[in-house]
C-alpha atoms as a PDB file:
ATOM      1  CA  MET A   1      -4.422 -14.988 -17.278  1.00  0.00           C
ATOM      2  CA  GLU A   2      -0.983 -15.015 -18.850  1.00  0.00           C
ATOM      3  CA  ALA A   3      -0.060 -12.255 -20.915  1.00  0.00           C
ATOM      4  CA  PRO A   4       1.417 -12.237 -24.302  1.00  0.00           C
ATOM      5  CA  ASP A   5       4.508 -11.350 -26.247  1.00  0.00           C
ATOM      6  CA  THR A   6       3.316  -8.629 -28.321  1.00  0.00           C
ATOM      7  CA  ILE A   7      -0.086  -7.238 -28.314  1.00  0.00           C
ATOM      8  CA  SER A   8      -1.224  -5.289 -31.955  1.00  0.00           C
ATOM      9  CA  VAL A   9      -2.226  -1.756 -30.923  1.00  0.00           C
ATOM     10  CA  THR A  10      -3.010   1.384 -32.443  1.00  0.00           C
ATOM     11  CA  LEU A  11      -2.369   5.096 -31.618  1.00  0.00           C
ATOM     12  CA  PRO A  12      -5.717   6.021 -31.192  1.00  0.00           C
ATOM     13  CA  GLN A  13      -6.127   3.068 -28.584  1.00  0.00           C
ATOM     14  CA  ILE A  14      -3.253   4.123 -26.395  1.00  0.00           C
ATOM     15  CA  ALA A  15      -4.770   7.920 -26.181  1.00  0.00           C
ATOM     16  CA  LYS A  16      -8.504   6.125 -26.043  1.00  0.00           C
ATOM     17  CA  LEU A  17      -7.200   4.393 -22.728  1.00  0.00           C
ATOM     18  CA  ILE A  18      -5.594   7.310 -21.151  1.00  0.00           C
ATOM     19  CA  ASP A  19      -6.806   9.662 -18.616  1.00  0.00           C
ATOM     20  CA  TYR A  20      -4.099  12.484 -18.648  1.00  0.00           C
ATOM     21  CA  SER A  21      -4.227  13.453 -15.119  1.00  0.00           C
ATOM     22  CA  LEU A  22      -4.069  17.365 -14.205  1.00  0.00           C
ATOM     23  CA  LEU A  23      -4.455  16.601 -10.385  1.00  0.00           C
ATOM     24  CA  HIS A  24      -1.056  17.906  -9.131  1.00  0.00           C
ATOM     25  CA  PRO A  25      -1.222  20.012  -6.540  1.00  0.00           C
ATOM     26  CA  THR A  26       1.206  22.878  -7.203  1.00  0.00           C
ATOM     27  CA  MET A  27      -0.071  22.722 -11.093  1.00  0.00           C
ATOM     28  CA  THR A  28      -1.277  26.306 -11.807  1.00  0.00           C
ATOM     29  CA  ASP A  29      -4.125  27.385 -13.972  1.00  0.00           C
ATOM     30  CA  ARG A  30      -0.565  28.222 -16.691  1.00  0.00           C
ATOM     31  CA  ASP A  31       0.053  24.783 -16.364  1.00  0.00           C
ATOM     32  CA  ILE A  32      -3.461  23.357 -16.341  1.00  0.00           C
ATOM     33  CA  LEU A  33      -3.944  25.058 -19.536  1.00  0.00           C
ATOM     34  CA  ALA A  34      -0.820  23.651 -21.417  1.00  0.00           C
ATOM     35  CA  GLY A  35      -1.675  19.494 -20.208  1.00  0.00           C
ATOM     36  CA  LEU A  36      -5.739  20.721 -21.283  1.00  0.00           C
ATOM     37  CA  GLU A  37      -3.590  21.893 -24.993  1.00  0.00           C
ATOM     38  CA  LEU A  38      -2.225  18.398 -24.700  1.00  0.00           C
ATOM     39  CA  ALA A  39      -4.779  16.468 -23.977  1.00  0.00           C
ATOM     40  CA  LYS A  40      -6.076  17.876 -27.415  1.00  0.00           C
ATOM     41  CA  LYS A  41      -2.923  17.218 -28.938  1.00  0.00           C
ATOM     42  CA  TYR A  42      -3.359  13.776 -28.085  1.00  0.00           C
ATOM     43  CA  LYS A  43      -6.811  12.794 -28.401  1.00  0.00           C
ATOM     44  CA  VAL A  44      -7.123  10.960 -25.337  1.00  0.00           C
ATOM     45  CA  THR A  45     -10.470  10.221 -23.809  1.00  0.00           C
ATOM     46  CA  THR A  46     -10.666  12.766 -20.699  1.00  0.00           C
ATOM     47  CA  ALA A  47      -8.534  15.484 -19.051  1.00  0.00           C
ATOM     48  CA  CYS A  48      -8.469  15.059 -15.471  1.00  0.00           C
ATOM     49  CA  VAL A  49      -9.132  18.055 -13.144  1.00  0.00           C
ATOM     50  CA  LYS A  50      -9.435  19.402  -9.109  1.00  0.00           C
ATOM     51  CA  PRO A  51     -13.081  20.395  -9.124  1.00  0.00           C
ATOM     52  CA  TYR A  52     -12.256  24.438  -9.279  1.00  0.00           C
ATOM     53  CA  SER A  53     -10.658  23.404 -12.872  1.00  0.00           C
ATOM     54  CA  ILE A  54     -13.248  22.279 -14.551  1.00  0.00           C
ATOM     55  CA  PRO A  55     -14.877  25.091 -16.750  1.00  0.00           C
ATOM     56  CA  VAL A  56     -11.236  26.345 -17.773  1.00  0.00           C
ATOM     57  CA  ALA A  57     -11.671  22.587 -19.205  1.00  0.00           C
ATOM     58  CA  LYS A  58     -15.044  22.867 -20.686  1.00  0.00           C
ATOM     59  CA  ASP A  59     -13.660  26.112 -22.356  1.00  0.00           C
ATOM     60  CA  ALA A  60     -10.337  24.626 -23.783  1.00  0.00           C
ATOM     61  CA  LEU A  61     -11.986  21.425 -24.640  1.00  0.00           C
ATOM     62  CA  ALA A  62     -14.805  22.465 -26.566  1.00  0.00           C
ATOM     63  CA  GLY A  63     -15.677  20.822 -29.729  1.00  0.00           C
ATOM     64  CA  SER A  64     -11.854  18.267 -29.322  1.00  0.00           C
ATOM     65  CA  GLY A  65     -14.123  14.858 -28.403  1.00  0.00           C
ATOM     66  CA  VAL A  66     -12.162  14.995 -25.407  1.00  0.00           C
ATOM     67  CA  LEU A  67     -13.734  14.401 -22.558  1.00  0.00           C
ATOM     68  CA  ILE A  68     -13.563  16.114 -18.304  1.00  0.00           C
ATOM     69  CA  CYS A  69     -12.758  14.157 -15.358  1.00  0.00           C
ATOM     70  CA  ALA A  70     -13.064  15.712 -12.263  1.00  0.00           C
ATOM     71  CA  VAL A  71     -11.924  13.937  -9.125  1.00  0.00           C
ATOM     72  CA  VAL A  72     -13.950  14.105  -5.740  1.00  0.00           C
ATOM     73  CA  GLY A  73     -12.738  13.433  -1.971  1.00  0.00           C
ATOM     74  CA  PHE A  74      -9.524  13.847  -3.453  1.00  0.00           C
ATOM     75  CA  PRO A  75      -6.691  12.561  -1.890  1.00  0.00           C
ATOM     76  CA  HIS A  76      -7.556  10.813   0.811  1.00  0.00           C
ATOM     77  CA  GLY A  77     -11.784  10.402   1.181  1.00  0.00           C
ATOM     78  CA  SER A  78     -12.367  11.984   3.771  1.00  0.00           C
ATOM     79  CA  SER A  79     -14.680  13.724   3.713  1.00  0.00           C
ATOM     80  CA  THR A  80     -18.513  13.478   5.054  1.00  0.00           C
ATOM     81  CA  THR A  81     -20.406  11.426   2.601  1.00  0.00           C
ATOM     82  CA  HIS A  82     -22.448  13.959   1.932  1.00  0.00           C
ATOM     83  CA  THR A  83     -19.636  16.199   0.921  1.00  0.00           C
ATOM     84  CA  LYS A  84     -18.679  13.889  -1.198  1.00  0.00           C
ATOM     85  CA  VAL A  85     -22.673  13.639  -2.552  1.00  0.00           C
ATOM     86  CA  LEU A  86     -22.063  17.786  -3.729  1.00  0.00           C
ATOM     87  CA  GLU A  87     -18.872  17.625  -4.672  1.00  0.00           C
ATOM     88  CA  ALA A  88     -20.082  15.372  -7.176  1.00  0.00           C
ATOM     89  CA  GLU A  89     -22.963  17.192  -7.497  1.00  0.00           C
ATOM     90  CA  GLU A  90     -21.875  20.376  -8.715  1.00  0.00           C
ATOM     91  CA  ALA A  91     -18.768  19.316 -10.623  1.00  0.00           C
ATOM     92  CA  VAL A  92     -21.021  16.782 -12.383  1.00  0.00           C
ATOM     93  CA  SER A  93     -23.762  20.140 -13.324  1.00  0.00           C
ATOM     94  CA  ALA A  94     -20.331  22.378 -14.314  1.00  0.00           C
ATOM     95  CA  GLY A  95     -19.714  19.787 -16.609  1.00  0.00           C
ATOM     96  CA  ALA A  96     -17.741  16.400 -15.793  1.00  0.00           C
ATOM     97  CA  HIS A  97     -18.160  14.074 -17.846  1.00  0.00           C
ATOM     98  CA  GLU A  98     -16.696  11.101 -14.694  1.00  0.00           C
ATOM     99  CA  ILE A  99     -15.645  11.508 -11.559  1.00  0.00           C
ATOM    100  CA  ASP A 100     -12.967   9.680 -10.056  1.00  0.00           C
ATOM    101  CA  MET A 101     -14.178   9.829  -6.787  1.00  0.00           C
ATOM    102  CA  VAL A 102     -11.464   7.910  -3.379  1.00  0.00           C
ATOM    103  CA  VAL A 103     -13.308   5.712  -0.127  1.00  0.00           C
ATOM    104  CA  ASN A 104     -13.358   6.592   3.266  1.00  0.00           C
ATOM    105  CA  VAL A 105     -10.025   4.461   3.548  1.00  0.00           C
ATOM    106  CA  GLY A 106     -10.188   4.368   7.161  1.00  0.00           C
ATOM    107  CA  LYS A 107     -13.534   2.995   6.492  1.00  0.00           C
ATOM    108  CA  VAL A 108     -12.787   0.264   4.248  1.00  0.00           C
ATOM    109  CA  LEU A 109      -9.347  -0.608   7.177  1.00  0.00           C
ATOM    110  CA  GLY A 110     -12.058  -1.232   9.625  1.00  0.00           C
ATOM    111  CA  ALA A 111     -14.261  -3.354   7.553  1.00  0.00           C
ATOM    112  CA  ASP A 112     -16.839  -0.798   8.057  1.00  0.00           C
ATOM    113  CA  TRP A 113     -18.957  -1.880   5.211  1.00  0.00           C
ATOM    114  CA  GLU A 114     -22.412  -0.851   5.167  1.00  0.00           C
ATOM    115  CA  TYR A 115     -21.132   2.811   5.210  1.00  0.00           C
ATOM    116  CA  VAL A 116     -18.361   2.626   2.339  1.00  0.00           C
ATOM    117  CA  THR A 117     -21.783   0.680  -0.205  1.00  0.00           C
ATOM    118  CA  ASN A 118     -24.040   3.088   0.935  1.00  0.00           C
ATOM    119  CA  GLU A 119     -20.783   5.765   0.127  1.00  0.00           C
ATOM    120  CA  ILE A 120     -20.232   4.537  -2.937  1.00  0.00           C
ATOM    121  CA  ARG A 121     -23.964   4.169  -4.223  1.00  0.00           C
ATOM    122  CA  ALA A 122     -24.836   8.006  -2.975  1.00  0.00           C
ATOM    123  CA  ILE A 123     -22.076   8.869  -5.023  1.00  0.00           C
ATOM    124  CA  ASN A 124     -22.623   6.737  -7.764  1.00  0.00           C
ATOM    125  CA  ASP A 125     -26.848   7.219  -8.159  1.00  0.00           C
ATOM    126  CA  THR A 126     -25.772  11.296  -7.935  1.00  0.00           C
ATOM    127  CA  VAL A 127     -23.404  10.616 -11.150  1.00  0.00           C
ATOM    128  CA  VAL A 128     -25.963   8.421 -13.324  1.00  0.00           C
ATOM    129  CA  ARG A 129     -28.357  10.897 -13.152  1.00  0.00           C
ATOM    130  CA  HIS A 130     -26.608  13.122 -14.126  1.00  0.00           C
ATOM    131  CA  ASP A 131     -25.339  10.309 -17.725  1.00  0.00           C
ATOM    132  CA  ALA A 132     -22.174  10.911 -16.144  1.00  0.00           C
ATOM    133  CA  ALA A 133     -19.427   7.526 -14.837  1.00  0.00           C
ATOM    134  CA  LEU A 134     -18.014   7.217 -11.870  1.00  0.00           C
ATOM    135  CA  LYS A 135     -14.303   5.606 -10.699  1.00  0.00           C
ATOM    136  CA  VAL A 136     -13.855   3.852  -7.003  1.00  0.00           C
ATOM    137  CA  ILE A 137     -10.757   4.659  -6.768  1.00  0.00           C
ATOM    138  CA  PHE A 138      -9.598   2.471  -3.759  1.00  0.00           C
ATOM    139  CA  GLU A 139      -5.870   2.898  -2.949  1.00  0.00           C
ATOM    140  CA  ASN A 140      -4.533  -0.140  -2.679  1.00  0.00           C
ATOM    141  CA  ASP A 141      -0.951   0.431  -1.224  1.00  0.00           C
ATOM    142  CA  PHE A 142      -2.887   1.155   1.598  1.00  0.00           C
ATOM    143  CA  LEU A 143      -5.161  -2.254   2.168  1.00  0.00           C
ATOM    144  CA  ASP A 144      -4.652  -5.595   1.817  1.00  0.00           C
ATOM    145  CA  ASP A 145      -6.012  -7.828  -0.939  1.00  0.00           C
ATOM    146  CA  ASP A 146      -8.987  -9.276   1.249  1.00  0.00           C
ATOM    147  CA  HIS A 147     -10.387  -5.274   0.938  1.00  0.00           C
ATOM    148  CA  ILE A 148      -9.474  -5.426  -2.608  1.00  0.00           C
ATOM    149  CA  VAL A 149     -11.208  -7.952  -3.308  1.00  0.00           C
ATOM    150  CA  TYR A 150     -14.655  -6.669  -0.942  1.00  0.00           C
ATOM    151  CA  LEU A 151     -14.371  -3.603  -2.491  1.00  0.00           C
ATOM    152  CA  CYS A 152     -14.628  -5.044  -6.232  1.00  0.00           C
ATOM    153  CA  LYS A 153     -17.880  -6.788  -4.778  1.00  0.00           C
ATOM    154  CA  ILE A 154     -19.606  -3.360  -3.768  1.00  0.00           C
ATOM    155  CA  CYS A 155     -18.263  -1.346  -6.977  1.00  0.00           C
ATOM    156  CA  THR A 156     -19.895  -4.390  -8.971  1.00  0.00           C
ATOM    157  CA  SER A 157     -22.933  -5.083  -7.059  1.00  0.00           C
ATOM    158  CA  LEU A 158     -23.419  -0.925  -7.478  1.00  0.00           C
ATOM    159  CA  SER A 159     -22.793  -1.294 -11.195  1.00  0.00           C
ATOM    160  CA  VAL A 160     -20.092   1.513 -10.986  1.00  0.00           C
ATOM    161  CA  ALA A 161     -18.279   2.259 -14.126  1.00  0.00           C
ATOM    162  CA  PHE A 162     -14.728   2.007 -12.996  1.00  0.00           C
ATOM    163  CA  VAL A 163     -12.677   0.189 -10.226  1.00  0.00           C
ATOM    164  CA  LYS A 164      -9.162   2.677 -10.387  1.00  0.00           C
ATOM    165  CA  THR A 165      -5.957   1.672  -8.472  1.00  0.00           C
ATOM    166  CA  SER A 166      -4.779   4.177  -6.638  1.00  0.00           C
ATOM    167  CA  THR A 167      -4.512   7.987  -7.014  1.00  0.00           C
ATOM    168  CA  GLY A 168      -0.774   8.405  -6.884  1.00  0.00           C
ATOM    169  CA  TYR A 169      -0.974  10.350  -3.116  1.00  0.00           C
ATOM    170  CA  GLY A 170      -1.083   7.096  -1.049  1.00  0.00           C
ATOM    171  CA  PHE A 171       2.889   7.269   0.365  1.00  0.00           C
ATOM    172  CA  VAL A 172       2.986   4.611   3.173  1.00  0.00           C
ATOM    173  CA  LYS A 173       5.266   4.622   5.438  1.00  0.00           C
ATOM    174  CA  GLN A 174       8.420   2.385   5.223  1.00  0.00           C
ATOM    175  CA  PRO A 175      10.099   0.995   8.389  1.00  0.00           C
ATOM    176  CA  ASN A 176      13.074   3.180   7.274  1.00  0.00           C
ATOM    177  CA  GLY A 177      10.714   5.689   8.633  1.00  0.00           C
ATOM    178  CA  PHE A 178      10.570   7.012   4.247  1.00  0.00           C
ATOM    179  CA  TYR A 179       7.724   7.691   2.583  1.00  0.00           C
ATOM    180  CA  THR A 180       6.574   5.532  -0.991  1.00  0.00           C
ATOM    181  CA  TYR A 181       4.256   3.548  -2.450  1.00  0.00           C
ATOM    182  CA  ARG A 182       3.605   1.698  -5.114  1.00  0.00           C
ATOM    183  CA  GLY A 183       0.115   1.777  -7.236  1.00  0.00           C
ATOM    184  CA  ALA A 184      -0.708  -0.693 -10.115  1.00  0.00           C
ATOM    185  CA  THR A 185       1.844  -3.341  -9.488  1.00  0.00           C
ATOM    186  CA  VAL A 186       0.851  -6.294 -11.986  1.00  0.00           C
ATOM    187  CA  THR A 187      -0.599  -8.452  -9.542  1.00  0.00           C
ATOM    188  CA  ARG A 188      -3.390  -6.078  -7.570  1.00  0.00           C
ATOM    189  CA  LEU A 189      -4.768  -5.163 -10.892  1.00  0.00           C
ATOM    190  CA  LYS A 190      -5.013  -8.699 -11.702  1.00  0.00           C
ATOM    191  CA  LEU A 191      -6.664  -9.109  -8.030  1.00  0.00           C
ATOM    192  CA  MET A 192      -9.190  -7.267  -9.467  1.00  0.00           C
ATOM    193  CA  LYS A 193      -9.677  -8.080 -12.869  1.00  0.00           C
ATOM    194  CA  ALA A 194     -10.576 -11.996 -11.297  1.00  0.00           C
ATOM    195  CA  ASN A 195     -13.022  -9.677  -8.552  1.00  0.00           C
ATOM    196  CA  VAL A 196     -15.503  -7.334 -10.699  1.00  0.00           C
ATOM    197  CA  GLY A 197     -17.950  -8.124 -13.725  1.00  0.00           C
ATOM    198  CA  PRO A 198     -17.891  -7.837 -16.484  1.00  0.00           C
ATOM    199  CA  GLU A 199     -19.283  -4.181 -17.226  1.00  0.00           C
ATOM    200  CA  VAL A 200     -16.426  -3.283 -14.979  1.00  0.00           C
ATOM    201  CA  GLY A 201     -13.929  -1.421 -15.912  1.00  0.00           C
ATOM    202  CA  ILE A 202     -10.870  -1.833 -14.135  1.00  0.00           C
ATOM    203  CA  LYS A 203      -8.168   1.818 -14.157  1.00  0.00           C
ATOM    204  CA  ALA A 204      -4.766   1.835 -13.397  1.00  0.00           C
ATOM    205  CA  ALA A 205      -3.540   4.610 -12.245  1.00  0.00           C
ATOM    206  CA  GLY A 206      -0.306   4.909 -10.326  1.00  0.00           C
ATOM    207  CA  GLY A 207       3.408   4.722 -11.668  1.00  0.00           C
ATOM    208  CA  ILE A 208       2.640   4.274 -15.416  1.00  0.00           C
ATOM    209  CA  ARG A 209       4.953   5.616 -16.711  1.00  0.00           C
ATOM    210  CA  THR A 210       5.895   4.830 -20.081  1.00  0.00           C
ATOM    211  CA  LEU A 211       4.389   2.795 -23.167  1.00  0.00           C
ATOM    212  CA  ASP A 212       5.550  -0.066 -21.814  1.00  0.00           C
ATOM    213  CA  ASP A 213       4.301   0.161 -18.812  1.00  0.00           C
ATOM    214  CA  LEU A 214       0.524   1.398 -21.047  1.00  0.00           C
ATOM    215  CA  LEU A 215       1.205  -1.932 -22.758  1.00  0.00           C
ATOM    216  CA  PHE A 216       1.129  -4.024 -20.403  1.00  0.00           C
ATOM    217  CA  ALA A 217      -1.579  -3.063 -18.437  1.00  0.00           C
ATOM    218  CA  MET A 218      -3.396  -2.645 -20.983  1.00  0.00           C
ATOM    219  CA  SER A 219      -2.473  -6.682 -22.450  1.00  0.00           C
ATOM    220  CA  LEU A 220      -4.256  -8.107 -18.461  1.00  0.00           C
ATOM    221  CA  GLY A 221      -7.336  -6.538 -19.201  1.00  0.00           C
ATOM    222  CA  VAL A 222      -7.451  -2.040 -17.788  1.00  0.00           C
ATOM    223  CA  ASN A 223      -9.919   0.350 -19.531  1.00  0.00           C
ATOM    224  CA  ARG A 224      -7.898   3.371 -18.830  1.00  0.00           C
ATOM    225  CA  ILE A 225      -4.635   4.919 -17.636  1.00  0.00           C
ATOM    226  CA  GLY A 226      -3.927   8.352 -15.416  1.00  0.00           C
ATOM    227  CA  ALA A 227      -0.722   9.457 -16.791  1.00  0.00           C
ATOM    228  CA  SER A 228       0.932  12.889 -15.970  1.00  0.00           C
ATOM    229  CA  ALA A 229       3.451  10.942 -18.423  1.00  0.00           C
ATOM    230  CA  THR A 230       0.965  11.679 -21.312  1.00  0.00           C
ATOM    231  CA  ALA A 231       3.388  12.900 -23.202  1.00  0.00           C
ATOM    232  CA  SER A 232       5.821  11.209 -22.929  1.00  0.00           C
ATOM    233  CA  ILE A 233       4.157   7.593 -23.381  1.00  0.00           C
ATOM    234  CA  MET A 234       2.291   9.253 -26.644  1.00  0.00           C
ATOM    235  CA  GLU A 235       6.089  10.213 -27.486  1.00  0.00           C
ATOM    236  CA  GLU A 236       7.173   7.101 -27.259  1.00  0.00           C
ATOM    237  CA  ALA A 237       4.652   5.933 -29.606  1.00  0.00           C
ATOM    238  CA  ILE A 238       4.971   7.712 -32.484  1.00  0.00           C
ATOM    239  CA  LYS A 239       9.154   7.317 -32.125  1.00  0.00           C
ATOM    240  CA  PRO A 240       8.788   3.293 -33.074  1.00  0.00           C
ATOM    241  CA  GLY A 241       5.970   4.078 -35.653  1.00  0.00           C
ATOM    242  CA  ILE A 242       2.686   2.805 -33.604  1.00  0.00           C
ATOM    243  CA  LYS A 243       0.336   4.493 -36.538  1.00  0.00           C
ATOM    244  CA  ASN A 244      -4.117   4.412 -36.438  1.00  0.00           C
ATOM    245  CA  THR A 245      -3.405   0.946 -37.832  1.00  0.00           C
ATOM    246  CA  PRO A 246      -2.798  -2.285 -36.168  1.00  0.00           C
ATOM    247  CA  THR A 247       1.339  -3.000 -35.008  1.00  0.00           C
ATOM    248  CA  GLU A 248       2.220  -5.884 -32.840  1.00  0.00           C
ATOM    249  CA  VAL A 249       4.450  -4.633 -30.152  1.00  0.00           C
ATOM    250  CA  PRO A 250       6.768  -6.110 -28.122  1.00  0.00           C
ATOM    251  CA  LEU A 251       4.820  -6.380 -24.060  1.00  0.00           C
ATOM    252  CA  VAL A 252       7.492  -5.751 -21.607  1.00  0.00           C
ATOM    253  CA  PRO A 253       7.189  -6.438 -17.855  1.00  0.00           C
ATOM    254  CA  MET A 254       5.919  -3.333 -15.694  1.00  0.00           C
ATOM    255  CA  VAL A 255       8.523  -4.229 -12.441  1.00  0.00           C
ATOM    256  CA  GLY A 256       8.279  -3.428  -8.845  1.00  0.00           C
ATOM    257  CA  ASP A 257       6.977  -6.255  -7.149  1.00  0.00           C
ATOM    258  CA  ALA A 258       7.973  -7.997  -9.324  1.00  0.00           C
ATOM    259  CA  GLU A 259       5.590  -6.635 -10.971  1.00  0.00           C
ATOM    260  CA  GLY A 260       4.122  -3.191 -10.880  1.00  0.00           C
ATOM    261  CA  GLY A 261       4.121   0.475  -9.924  1.00  0.00           C
ATOM    262  CA  GLU A 262       3.117   7.810  -9.920  1.00  0.00           C
ATOM    263  CA  TYR A 263       0.189   9.445 -11.274  1.00  0.00           C
END
């Protein structure tokens, strides 16, 4: 499905598309508190934090309507299933409303689908038991299309809440020796959309840095955006006069693989 030339949006719609990412390893407690204040200011859906920050986020966001998202097995997905389940259990018990878990990338690449399925099932069961929602991070830059399709099928069969493109830290070594990543590309977003069930949402993370990127991803059927650039995106939206009532704005294609795009 090709995106139209324009899209009708409201400011609250844009804000509610966003999980404000507060995950960089160098972030201090002061940085995280400042980010939580911005999450409240812009009324995003969630503030996405590292597990140790959940108590701080719970206090800072109380009464704001902004939910807490916490990461599990982040960013490389290499913990044991038992450890990931314990981490998810602790996070939701501490107050997280949503969990973003990273798959075991090596098991995906090795096509050990039984292991992958059992791990996602165990974490999803834990999260759902606490009335929370699970997002499964694929880390697309490491994967081929066939891996992504298979993961979409698994997540659909297990009724997870969301599939997610990337952590923002999945750097791949290039022939020149440098490391880079693309994150949420148009090609892969379309592939995920085509292969998940209608009840499974899609979260684009990695490379969504501008309002144009967010709106284009939204036009492709993306339900949530992971963004560390939340403040600049929201200020971009306010400047052209996007308000609480529907506003028609032009769609600008994402760049990248002729299609695409850090957390």
